Amino acid sequence: MFKYKAPNHTKLADEKLIIAMLNGDSKAFDEVYKRYNERMLYYFYRMLGNDKDLAQDFLQDLFYKIIDKPHLFDASRKFSTWIFSIAHNMCKNEYRNRANRDVIEIADDVDYFEHDEVTTDPLYQIEDIFNCLSEFDEIHQTAFLLKYREGLSIDEISSILELSVGTIKSRLFYTRKKIQKKLQQSSHLSSEYVSSSDCLRPTNKYRETNSTDKKI
């Protein structure tokens, strides 16, 4: 006699999980939440001025949107691109409400950080890097976080922000150069460290302050 075998959700691709959600599989949503909860909370936390309470509110709203309208997922796109597109639009609306958006036009070519010989405590550097990042507008912050914290490709970031590849490259160039300049002005910081994507991973301090996060 044929026995139905429940899918192993942990082995399913993100896109397959969304299809399962469309078919009423609640465990598929649980797995999506597990995979993206911390990543999206961290993104909102940084994009919303390090406001933990607001980040939590946005996180809940984000997953409510996914629960409510999974059919809006475009199967031709990666799920990670789709979810960050939603998060980006949420932050963009918040910035508009604050009347705090300022677009800066910059050069098109891309370069790398120059390497300094100065080294110091990585966790201390992370905080300094993000202190620098908070001075940029929403587009520059988003592109920088998606590239160096989330490891997304330029093409994926271009799709999320709905900007050309050249514009994304130029904004990353501008942001890196500005941060590099600030690092070079501080003798205890290494600009080489900023060129590594590891410098933008969540710190233990951040994880501890959010240890009480609850599932929706």
Protein backbone atom coordinates (compact mmCIF):
# COMPACT_ATOMS: atom_id res chain seq x y z
CA MET A 1 0.00 0.00 0.00
CA PHE A 2 1.31 3.45 -0.93
CA LYS A 3 2.37 5.61 1.99
CA TYR A 4 2.57 9.37 1.76
CA LYS A 5 6.00 10.61 2.70
CA ALA A 6 6.09 14.13 4.11
CA PRO A 7 8.75 16.33 2.51
CA ASN A 8 11.92 17.12 4.41
CA HIS A 9 11.56 20.89 4.51
CA THR A 10 15.14 21.47 5.62
CA LYS A 11 16.35 20.07 2.30
CA LEU A 12 13.97 22.06 0.09
CA ALA A 13 15.14 25.14 -1.80
CA ASP A 14 13.55 28.43 -0.78
CA GLU A 15 11.54 28.53 -3.97
CA LYS A 16 10.14 25.03 -3.34
CA LEU A 17 9.09 26.10 0.14
CA ILE A 18 7.03 28.95 -1.28
CA ILE A 19 5.28 26.53 -3.63
CA ALA A 20 4.55 24.31 -0.62
CA MET A 21 3.13 27.33 1.21
CA LEU A 22 0.80 27.96 -1.72
CA ASN A 23 -0.45 24.41 -1.22
CA GLY A 24 -1.24 25.11 2.42
CA ASP A 25 1.89 23.62 4.00
CA SER A 26 2.38 25.56 7.25
CA LYS A 27 5.65 23.78 8.01
CA ALA A 28 7.08 25.28 4.84
CA PHE A 29 6.55 28.73 6.30
CA ASP A 30 8.22 27.63 9.54
CA GLU A 31 11.31 26.70 7.56
CA VAL A 32 11.32 29.98 5.62
CA TYR A 33 11.04 31.87 8.90
CA LYS A 34 13.89 29.86 10.40
CA ARG A 35 16.15 30.63 7.43
CA TYR A 36 15.43 34.33 7.13
CA ASN A 37 14.38 35.54 10.58
CA GLU A 38 17.80 36.68 11.80
CA ARG A 39 18.95 37.93 8.40
CA MET A 40 15.92 40.16 7.91
CA LEU A 41 15.89 41.40 11.49
CA TYR A 42 19.53 42.39 11.16
CA TYR A 43 18.81 44.14 7.86
CA PHE A 44 15.92 46.14 9.34
CA TYR A 45 17.95 46.91 12.46
CA ARG A 46 20.73 48.52 10.43
CA MET A 47 18.47 50.22 7.92
CA LEU A 48 16.20 51.74 10.56
CA GLY A 49 18.83 53.49 12.63
CA ASN A 50 19.61 50.59 15.00
CA ASP A 51 16.08 50.76 16.41
CA LYS A 52 15.45 47.24 17.76
CA ASP A 53 11.74 47.72 18.45
CA LEU A 54 11.06 49.18 15.02
CA ALA A 55 13.12 46.41 13.40
CA GLN A 56 10.97 43.82 15.19
CA ASP A 57 7.79 45.52 13.97
CA PHE A 58 9.06 45.56 10.41
CA LEU A 59 10.11 41.91 10.67
CA GLN A 60 6.62 40.88 11.72
CA ASP A 61 5.05 42.97 8.95
CA LEU A 62 7.39 41.37 6.43
CA PHE A 63 6.43 37.82 7.35
CA TYR A 64 2.76 38.72 7.52
CA LYS A 65 3.09 39.88 3.91
CA ILE A 66 4.67 36.57 2.95
CA ILE A 67 1.94 34.59 4.72
CA ASP A 68 -0.80 36.73 3.25
CA LYS A 69 0.43 36.89 -0.34
CA PRO A 70 2.82 34.06 -1.20
CA HIS A 71 1.20 33.94 -4.66
CA LEU A 72 2.95 37.22 -5.49
CA PHE A 73 6.29 35.43 -5.55
CA ASP A 74 7.80 35.54 -9.02
CA ALA A 75 9.12 32.04 -9.70
CA SER A 76 11.59 33.45 -12.22
CA ARG A 77 13.48 35.18 -9.39
CA LYS A 78 15.43 33.85 -6.44
CA PHE A 79 13.45 33.93 -3.21
CA SER A 80 16.23 35.86 -1.45
CA THR A 81 16.00 38.57 -4.10
CA TRP A 82 12.23 38.74 -3.68
CA ILE A 83 12.22 38.96 0.12
CA PHE A 84 14.91 41.64 0.16
CA SER A 85 12.94 43.56 -2.46
CA ILE A 86 9.96 43.60 -0.11
CA ALA A 87 12.15 44.63 2.83
CA HIS A 88 13.77 47.35 0.77
CA ASN A 89 10.42 48.78 -0.26
CA MET A 90 9.27 48.78 3.36
CA CYS A 91 12.35 50.75 4.39
CA LYS A 92 11.97 53.06 1.41
CA ASN A 93 8.43 53.91 2.47
CA GLU A 94 9.65 54.57 5.99
CA TYR A 95 12.34 56.90 4.68
CA ARG A 96 9.76 58.71 2.61
CA ASN A 97 7.59 59.14 5.65
CA ARG A 98 10.54 60.66 7.45
CA ALA A 99 11.27 62.87 4.47
CA ASN A 100 14.84 61.73 4.82
CA ARG A 101 15.84 60.48 1.41
CA ASP A 102 18.75 62.06 -0.42
CA VAL A 103 20.03 60.59 -3.66
CA ILE A 104 23.68 61.20 -4.45
CA GLU A 105 24.98 60.86 -8.01
CA ILE A 106 28.48 59.44 -8.23
CA ALA A 107 31.01 58.00 -10.68
CA ASP A 108 30.37 54.76 -12.60
CA ASP A 109 33.66 52.93 -12.26
CA VAL A 110 34.47 50.53 -9.43
CA ASP A 111 37.67 50.18 -7.47
CA TYR A 112 38.87 48.32 -4.40
CA PHE A 113 39.98 49.49 -0.99
CA GLU A 114 43.65 50.26 -0.57
CA HIS A 115 45.18 48.03 2.07
CA ASP A 116 46.57 49.56 5.26
CA GLU A 117 48.94 47.85 7.66
CA VAL A 118 47.00 48.81 10.78
CA THR A 119 45.14 46.07 12.66
CA THR A 120 42.89 46.06 15.70
CA ASP A 121 39.98 44.28 17.38
CA PRO A 122 37.57 43.17 14.59
CA LEU A 123 34.43 43.68 16.68
CA TYR A 124 35.46 47.25 17.42
CA GLN A 125 36.03 47.82 13.73
CA ILE A 126 32.57 46.52 12.89
CA GLU A 127 30.92 49.15 15.05
CA ASP A 128 33.03 51.90 13.49
CA ILE A 129 32.16 50.68 10.01
CA PHE A 130 28.46 50.79 10.78
CA ASN A 131 28.79 54.19 12.42
CA CYS A 132 30.16 55.35 9.08
CA LEU A 133 27.41 53.56 7.17
CA SER A 134 24.67 55.30 9.12
CA GLU A 135 25.72 58.59 7.54
CA PHE A 136 24.65 57.44 4.06
CA ASP A 137 21.21 57.56 2.49
CA GLU A 138 18.94 54.54 2.24
CA ILE A 139 20.08 53.40 -1.22
CA HIS A 140 23.78 53.44 -0.34
CA GLN A 141 23.20 51.63 2.95
CA THR A 142 21.04 48.98 1.33
CA ALA A 143 23.47 48.27 -1.51
CA PHE A 144 26.39 48.04 0.91
CA LEU A 145 24.59 45.69 3.32
CA LEU A 146 23.28 43.44 0.57
CA LYS A 147 26.73 43.15 -1.00
CA TYR A 148 29.02 42.85 2.01
CA ARG A 149 26.73 41.43 4.67
CA GLU A 150 24.39 39.23 2.63
CA GLY A 151 26.84 38.39 -0.14
CA LEU A 152 24.36 39.05 -2.94
CA SER A 153 25.61 39.59 -6.47
CA ILE A 154 25.54 42.95 -8.23
CA ASP A 155 22.81 41.63 -10.54
CA GLU A 156 20.67 40.57 -7.57
CA ILE A 157 21.11 43.93 -5.86
CA SER A 158 20.24 45.65 -9.13
CA SER A 159 16.98 43.68 -9.25
CA ILE A 160 16.11 44.46 -5.63
CA LEU A 161 16.77 48.18 -5.85
CA GLU A 162 15.50 48.48 -9.43
CA LEU A 163 18.64 50.34 -10.46
CA SER A 164 21.11 49.61 -13.24
CA VAL A 165 24.17 47.46 -12.60
CA GLY A 166 26.37 50.48 -13.30
CA THR A 167 24.54 52.55 -10.71
CA ILE A 168 24.89 49.81 -8.08
CA LYS A 169 28.62 49.54 -8.77
CA SER A 170 29.08 53.29 -8.54
CA ARG A 171 27.19 53.53 -5.26
CA LEU A 172 29.22 50.72 -3.76
CA PHE A 173 32.38 52.45 -4.95
CA TYR A 174 31.29 55.73 -3.38
CA THR A 175 30.35 54.10 -0.08
CA ARG A 176 33.58 52.11 0.16
CA LYS A 177 35.70 55.16 -0.59
CA LYS A 178 33.90 57.27 2.00
CA ILE A 179 34.29 54.57 4.65
CA GLN A 180 37.91 54.03 3.69
CA LYS A 181 38.60 57.73 4.14
CA LYS A 182 37.13 57.67 7.63
CA LEU A 183 39.10 54.55 8.51
CA GLN A 184 42.32 56.15 7.33
CA GLN A 185 41.62 59.10 9.61
CA SER A 186 41.53 56.74 12.59
CA SER A 187 44.86 55.15 13.40
CA HIS A 188 43.24 52.21 15.19
CA LEU A 189 41.27 51.02 12.16
CA SER A 190 42.22 48.97 9.12
CA SER A 191 40.63 49.80 5.78
CA GLU A 192 41.65 46.33 4.59
CA TYR A 193 39.17 44.86 7.03
CA VAL A 194 36.24 46.60 5.33
CA SER A 195 36.91 44.86 2.03
CA SER A 196 36.04 41.54 3.65
CA SER A 197 32.38 40.46 3.75
CA ASP A 198 33.06 38.94 7.20
CA CYS A 199 33.30 42.42 8.66
CA LEU A 200 29.55 42.80 8.28
CA ARG A 201 28.43 39.63 10.01
CA PRO A 202 26.25 40.15 13.11
CA THR A 203 28.30 40.61 16.26
CA ASN A 204 27.71 38.55 19.40
CA LYS A 205 26.67 41.75 21.11
CA TYR A 206 23.84 42.23 18.64
CA ARG A 207 22.71 38.62 18.93
CA GLU A 208 22.63 38.86 22.72
CA THR A 209 20.49 41.98 22.68
CA ASN A 210 18.00 40.16 20.49
CA SER A 211 18.00 36.81 22.25
CA THR A 212 14.40 37.34 23.34
CA ASP A 213 13.16 37.52 19.74
CA LYS A 214 9.99 35.52 19.34
CA LYS A 215 8.52 33.79 16.34
CA ILE A 216 5.43 35.40 14.88
